[in-house]
Amino acid sequence: MFLGTHTPRLDQKGRLFLPAKYRDELSGGVVITKGQERCLYVFPTDEFARLTASLRTAPVTAKAVRDYSRVLFASASDQACDKQGRVTIPPKLRDYAGLDRECVVIGANTRLEIWDSPAWSEYEAEQEQAFAQLSEEVLPGVL
């Protein structure tokens, strides 16, 4: 499970340090792909395989499944962390997420998300009030 908020910097070569506490979990490689709200999703390879298996059982006759799968897989890049714990973010994915130098990496349960720092601040500010109101809809009877 991925938790927390981290603030690494993107270097000139498009590399980013992933949080040290997750390096063992990510040592088998990662898949980086487009996420919603113009962030990037970083899945451990085995978690991406589980997602792939779920999508494989979805009906290809459903347009939403086809559309989602096309964008998800066409933008996906499998990467390995280097010895220093850095991962290279391909230029097209950096452009999609608007990544410059200051980034935010958040834990999002089964994946990490990489955000441009100002974009994350804006998103977080917009969602604070909604978060308080959504617990009843998203987690009925849990909280």
C-alpha atoms as a PDB file:
ATOM      1  CA  MET A   1       0.000   0.000   0.000  1.00  0.00           C
ATOM      2  CA  PHE A   2       1.353   3.411  -0.978  1.00  0.00           C
ATOM      3  CA  LEU A   3       0.773   6.303   1.424  1.00  0.00           C
ATOM      4  CA  GLY A   4       1.948   9.839   2.006  1.00  0.00           C
ATOM      5  CA  THR A   5       3.089  12.882   0.094  1.00  0.00           C
ATOM      6  CA  HIS A   6       6.644  13.354  -1.131  1.00  0.00           C
ATOM      7  CA  THR A   7       8.267  16.260  -2.978  1.00  0.00           C
ATOM      8  CA  PRO A   8      11.137  15.113  -5.210  1.00  0.00           C
ATOM      9  CA  ARG A   9      12.598  17.188  -8.018  1.00  0.00           C
ATOM     10  CA  LEU A  10      12.799  16.189 -11.639  1.00  0.00           C
ATOM     11  CA  ASP A  11      16.361  16.420 -12.935  1.00  0.00           C
ATOM     12  CA  GLN A  12      17.495  17.713 -16.355  1.00  0.00           C
ATOM     13  CA  LYS A  13      17.405  14.183 -17.801  1.00  0.00           C
ATOM     14  CA  GLY A  14      13.767  13.632 -16.796  1.00  0.00           C
ATOM     15  CA  ARG A  15      14.591  11.390 -13.829  1.00  0.00           C
ATOM     16  CA  LEU A  16      12.761  11.452 -10.529  1.00  0.00           C
ATOM     17  CA  PHE A  17      13.623   9.890  -7.186  1.00  0.00           C
ATOM     18  CA  LEU A  18      10.784   7.655  -6.027  1.00  0.00           C
ATOM     19  CA  PRO A  19      10.257   7.553  -2.246  1.00  0.00           C
ATOM     20  CA  ALA A  20      13.006   5.483  -0.592  1.00  0.00           C
ATOM     21  CA  LYS A  21      10.555   3.590   1.604  1.00  0.00           C
ATOM     22  CA  TYR A  22       8.992   2.021  -1.522  1.00  0.00           C
ATOM     23  CA  ARG A  23      12.168   1.035  -3.367  1.00  0.00           C
ATOM     24  CA  ASP A  24      11.966  -2.639  -2.366  1.00  0.00           C
ATOM     25  CA  GLU A  25       8.341  -2.816  -3.494  1.00  0.00           C
ATOM     26  CA  LEU A  26       9.259  -1.160  -6.805  1.00  0.00           C
ATOM     27  CA  SER A  27      12.480  -3.099  -7.413  1.00  0.00           C
ATOM     28  CA  GLY A  28      10.743  -5.431  -9.886  1.00  0.00           C
ATOM     29  CA  GLY A  29      10.040  -2.488 -12.163  1.00  0.00           C
ATOM     30  CA  VAL A  30       7.209  -0.039 -12.672  1.00  0.00           C
ATOM     31  CA  VAL A  31       4.763   0.964 -15.352  1.00  0.00           C
ATOM     32  CA  ILE A  32       4.173   4.696 -15.727  1.00  0.00           C
ATOM     33  CA  THR A  33       1.101   5.826 -17.630  1.00  0.00           C
ATOM     34  CA  LYS A  34      -1.368   8.682 -17.945  1.00  0.00           C
ATOM     35  CA  GLY A  35      -3.726   9.142 -15.026  1.00  0.00           C
ATOM     36  CA  GLN A  36      -6.835  11.213 -14.582  1.00  0.00           C
ATOM     37  CA  GLU A  37      -6.615  14.945 -13.802  1.00  0.00           C
ATOM     38  CA  ARG A  38      -3.327  15.143 -15.766  1.00  0.00           C
ATOM     39  CA  CYS A  39      -1.199  13.257 -13.278  1.00  0.00           C
ATOM     40  CA  LEU A  40       0.847  10.131 -13.919  1.00  0.00           C
ATOM     41  CA  TYR A  41       0.157   6.732 -12.412  1.00  0.00           C
ATOM     42  CA  VAL A  42       3.105   4.608 -11.309  1.00  0.00           C
ATOM     43  CA  PHE A  43       2.203   0.953 -10.830  1.00  0.00           C
ATOM     44  CA  PRO A  44       4.502  -1.805  -9.628  1.00  0.00           C
ATOM     45  CA  THR A  45       4.732  -4.256 -12.524  1.00  0.00           C
ATOM     46  CA  ASP A  46       2.686  -6.924 -10.727  1.00  0.00           C
ATOM     47  CA  GLU A  47      -0.104  -4.457  -9.895  1.00  0.00           C
ATOM     48  CA  PHE A  48      -0.236  -3.309 -13.522  1.00  0.00           C
ATOM     49  CA  ALA A  49      -0.545  -6.968 -14.523  1.00  0.00           C
ATOM     50  CA  ARG A  50      -3.594  -7.287 -12.203  1.00  0.00           C
ATOM     51  CA  LEU A  51      -5.142  -4.186 -13.786  1.00  0.00           C
ATOM     52  CA  THR A  52      -4.462  -5.625 -17.236  1.00  0.00           C
ATOM     53  CA  ALA A  53      -6.162  -8.890 -16.266  1.00  0.00           C
ATOM     54  CA  SER A  54      -9.241  -6.978 -15.083  1.00  0.00           C
ATOM     55  CA  LEU A  55      -9.445  -5.011 -18.317  1.00  0.00           C
ATOM     56  CA  ARG A  56      -8.989  -8.218 -20.304  1.00  0.00           C
ATOM     57  CA  THR A  57     -12.297  -9.494 -18.904  1.00  0.00           C
ATOM     58  CA  ALA A  58     -14.155  -6.254 -19.702  1.00  0.00           C
ATOM     59  CA  PRO A  59     -16.259  -6.354 -22.866  1.00  0.00           C
ATOM     60  CA  VAL A  60     -14.424  -4.869 -25.858  1.00  0.00           C
ATOM     61  CA  THR A  61     -17.836  -4.051 -27.262  1.00  0.00           C
ATOM     62  CA  ALA A  62     -18.132  -1.316 -24.619  1.00  0.00           C
ATOM     63  CA  LYS A  63     -16.811   1.944 -26.076  1.00  0.00           C
ATOM     64  CA  ALA A  64     -15.700   3.259 -22.675  1.00  0.00           C
ATOM     65  CA  VAL A  65     -13.558   0.144 -22.137  1.00  0.00           C
ATOM     66  CA  ARG A  66     -11.947   0.537 -25.561  1.00  0.00           C
ATOM     67  CA  ASP A  67     -11.305   4.254 -25.052  1.00  0.00           C
ATOM     68  CA  TYR A  68      -9.845   3.822 -21.580  1.00  0.00           C
ATOM     69  CA  SER A  69      -7.681   0.866 -22.607  1.00  0.00           C
ATOM     70  CA  ARG A  70      -6.304   2.648 -25.647  1.00  0.00           C
ATOM     71  CA  VAL A  71      -5.149   5.692 -23.703  1.00  0.00           C
ATOM     72  CA  LEU A  72      -3.883   3.681 -20.729  1.00  0.00           C
ATOM     73  CA  PHE A  73      -1.832   1.178 -22.730  1.00  0.00           C
ATOM     74  CA  ALA A  74      -0.690   3.502 -25.537  1.00  0.00           C
ATOM     75  CA  SER A  75       0.808   5.898 -22.987  1.00  0.00           C
ATOM     76  CA  ALA A  76       2.289   3.198 -20.740  1.00  0.00           C
ATOM     77  CA  SER A  77       6.053   2.904 -20.327  1.00  0.00           C
ATOM     78  CA  ASP A  78       7.732   0.131 -18.386  1.00  0.00           C
ATOM     79  CA  GLN A  79      10.716   1.399 -16.411  1.00  0.00           C
ATOM     80  CA  ALA A  80      13.244   0.138 -13.917  1.00  0.00           C
ATOM     81  CA  CYS A  81      14.616   2.218 -11.073  1.00  0.00           C
ATOM     82  CA  ASP A  82      18.337   2.839 -11.265  1.00  0.00           C
ATOM     83  CA  LYS A  83      20.687   2.056  -8.356  1.00  0.00           C
ATOM     84  CA  GLN A  84      19.957   5.444  -6.821  1.00  0.00           C
ATOM     85  CA  GLY A  85      16.181   4.925  -6.876  1.00  0.00           C
ATOM     86  CA  ARG A  86      15.478   7.184  -9.853  1.00  0.00           C
ATOM     87  CA  VAL A  87      13.034   6.444 -12.622  1.00  0.00           C
ATOM     88  CA  THR A  88      13.044   8.115 -16.017  1.00  0.00           C
ATOM     89  CA  ILE A  89       9.785   9.783 -17.028  1.00  0.00           C
ATOM     90  CA  PRO A  90       9.409   9.732 -20.832  1.00  0.00           C
ATOM     91  CA  PRO A  91       9.055  13.195 -22.448  1.00  0.00           C
ATOM     92  CA  LYS A  92       5.471  12.613 -23.677  1.00  0.00           C
ATOM     93  CA  LEU A  93       4.350  11.712 -20.153  1.00  0.00           C
ATOM     94  CA  ARG A  94       6.200  14.717 -18.668  1.00  0.00           C
ATOM     95  CA  ASP A  95       4.407  16.939 -21.179  1.00  0.00           C
ATOM     96  CA  TYR A  96       1.004  15.372 -20.425  1.00  0.00           C
ATOM     97  CA  ALA A  97       1.363  15.998 -16.688  1.00  0.00           C
ATOM     98  CA  GLY A  98       3.029  19.397 -17.129  1.00  0.00           C
ATOM     99  CA  LEU A  99       6.029  18.255 -15.091  1.00  0.00           C
ATOM    100  CA  ASP A 100       8.781  20.794 -14.749  1.00  0.00           C
ATOM    101  CA  ARG A 101      11.169  20.623 -11.815  1.00  0.00           C
ATOM    102  CA  GLU A 102       9.018  20.669  -8.672  1.00  0.00           C
ATOM    103  CA  CYS A 103       6.917  17.515  -8.399  1.00  0.00           C
ATOM    104  CA  VAL A 104       4.712  15.829  -5.842  1.00  0.00           C
ATOM    105  CA  VAL A 105       4.528  12.055  -5.521  1.00  0.00           C
ATOM    106  CA  ILE A 106       1.526  10.843  -3.578  1.00  0.00           C
ATOM    107  CA  GLY A 107       0.625   7.410  -2.337  1.00  0.00           C
ATOM    108  CA  ALA A 108      -2.732   6.325  -3.749  1.00  0.00           C
ATOM    109  CA  ASN A 109      -3.217   2.838  -2.298  1.00  0.00           C
ATOM    110  CA  THR A 110      -2.117   0.459  -5.093  1.00  0.00           C
ATOM    111  CA  ARG A 111      -0.141   3.033  -7.055  1.00  0.00           C
ATOM    112  CA  LEU A 112       1.876   6.202  -6.769  1.00  0.00           C
ATOM    113  CA  GLU A 113       0.815   9.352  -8.586  1.00  0.00           C
ATOM    114  CA  ILE A 114       3.190  11.999  -9.906  1.00  0.00           C
ATOM    115  CA  TRP A 115       1.870  15.548 -10.066  1.00  0.00           C
ATOM    116  CA  ASP A 116       3.256  18.904 -11.052  1.00  0.00           C
ATOM    117  CA  SER A 117       3.554  20.679  -7.698  1.00  0.00           C
ATOM    118  CA  PRO A 118       1.264  23.677  -8.473  1.00  0.00           C
ATOM    119  CA  ALA A 119      -1.312  21.360 -10.093  1.00  0.00           C
ATOM    120  CA  TRP A 120      -1.362  19.161  -6.969  1.00  0.00           C
ATOM    121  CA  SER A 121      -1.763  22.191  -4.677  1.00  0.00           C
ATOM    122  CA  GLU A 122      -4.693  23.408  -6.754  1.00  0.00           C
ATOM    123  CA  TYR A 123      -6.325  19.971  -6.886  1.00  0.00           C
ATOM    124  CA  GLU A 124      -5.869  19.410  -3.157  1.00  0.00           C
ATOM    125  CA  ALA A 125      -7.370  22.821  -2.299  1.00  0.00           C
ATOM    126  CA  GLU A 126     -10.390  22.132  -4.529  1.00  0.00           C
ATOM    127  CA  GLN A 127     -10.964  18.691  -3.027  1.00  0.00           C
ATOM    128  CA  GLU A 128     -10.696  19.461   0.699  1.00  0.00           C
ATOM    129  CA  GLN A 129     -14.379  20.339   1.141  1.00  0.00           C
ATOM    130  CA  ALA A 130     -15.544  17.602  -1.219  1.00  0.00           C
ATOM    131  CA  PHE A 131     -13.484  15.043   0.738  1.00  0.00           C
ATOM    132  CA  ALA A 132     -15.395  15.846   3.915  1.00  0.00           C
ATOM    133  CA  GLN A 133     -18.717  15.387   2.148  1.00  0.00           C
ATOM    134  CA  LEU A 134     -17.848  12.280   0.100  1.00  0.00           C
ATOM    135  CA  SER A 135     -17.069   9.818   2.879  1.00  0.00           C
ATOM    136  CA  GLU A 136     -20.728   8.921   3.193  1.00  0.00           C
ATOM    137  CA  GLU A 137     -21.081   8.211  -0.548  1.00  0.00           C
ATOM    138  CA  VAL A 138     -17.746   6.513  -1.176  1.00  0.00           C
ATOM    139  CA  LEU A 139     -17.489   4.508   2.039  1.00  0.00           C
ATOM    140  CA  PRO A 140     -21.048   3.944   3.283  1.00  0.00           C
ATOM    141  CA  GLY A 141     -21.070   2.339   6.703  1.00  0.00           C
ATOM    142  CA  VAL A 142     -17.277   2.184   6.896  1.00  0.00           C
ATOM    143  CA  LEU A 143     -16.425   5.504   8.538  1.00  0.00           C
END
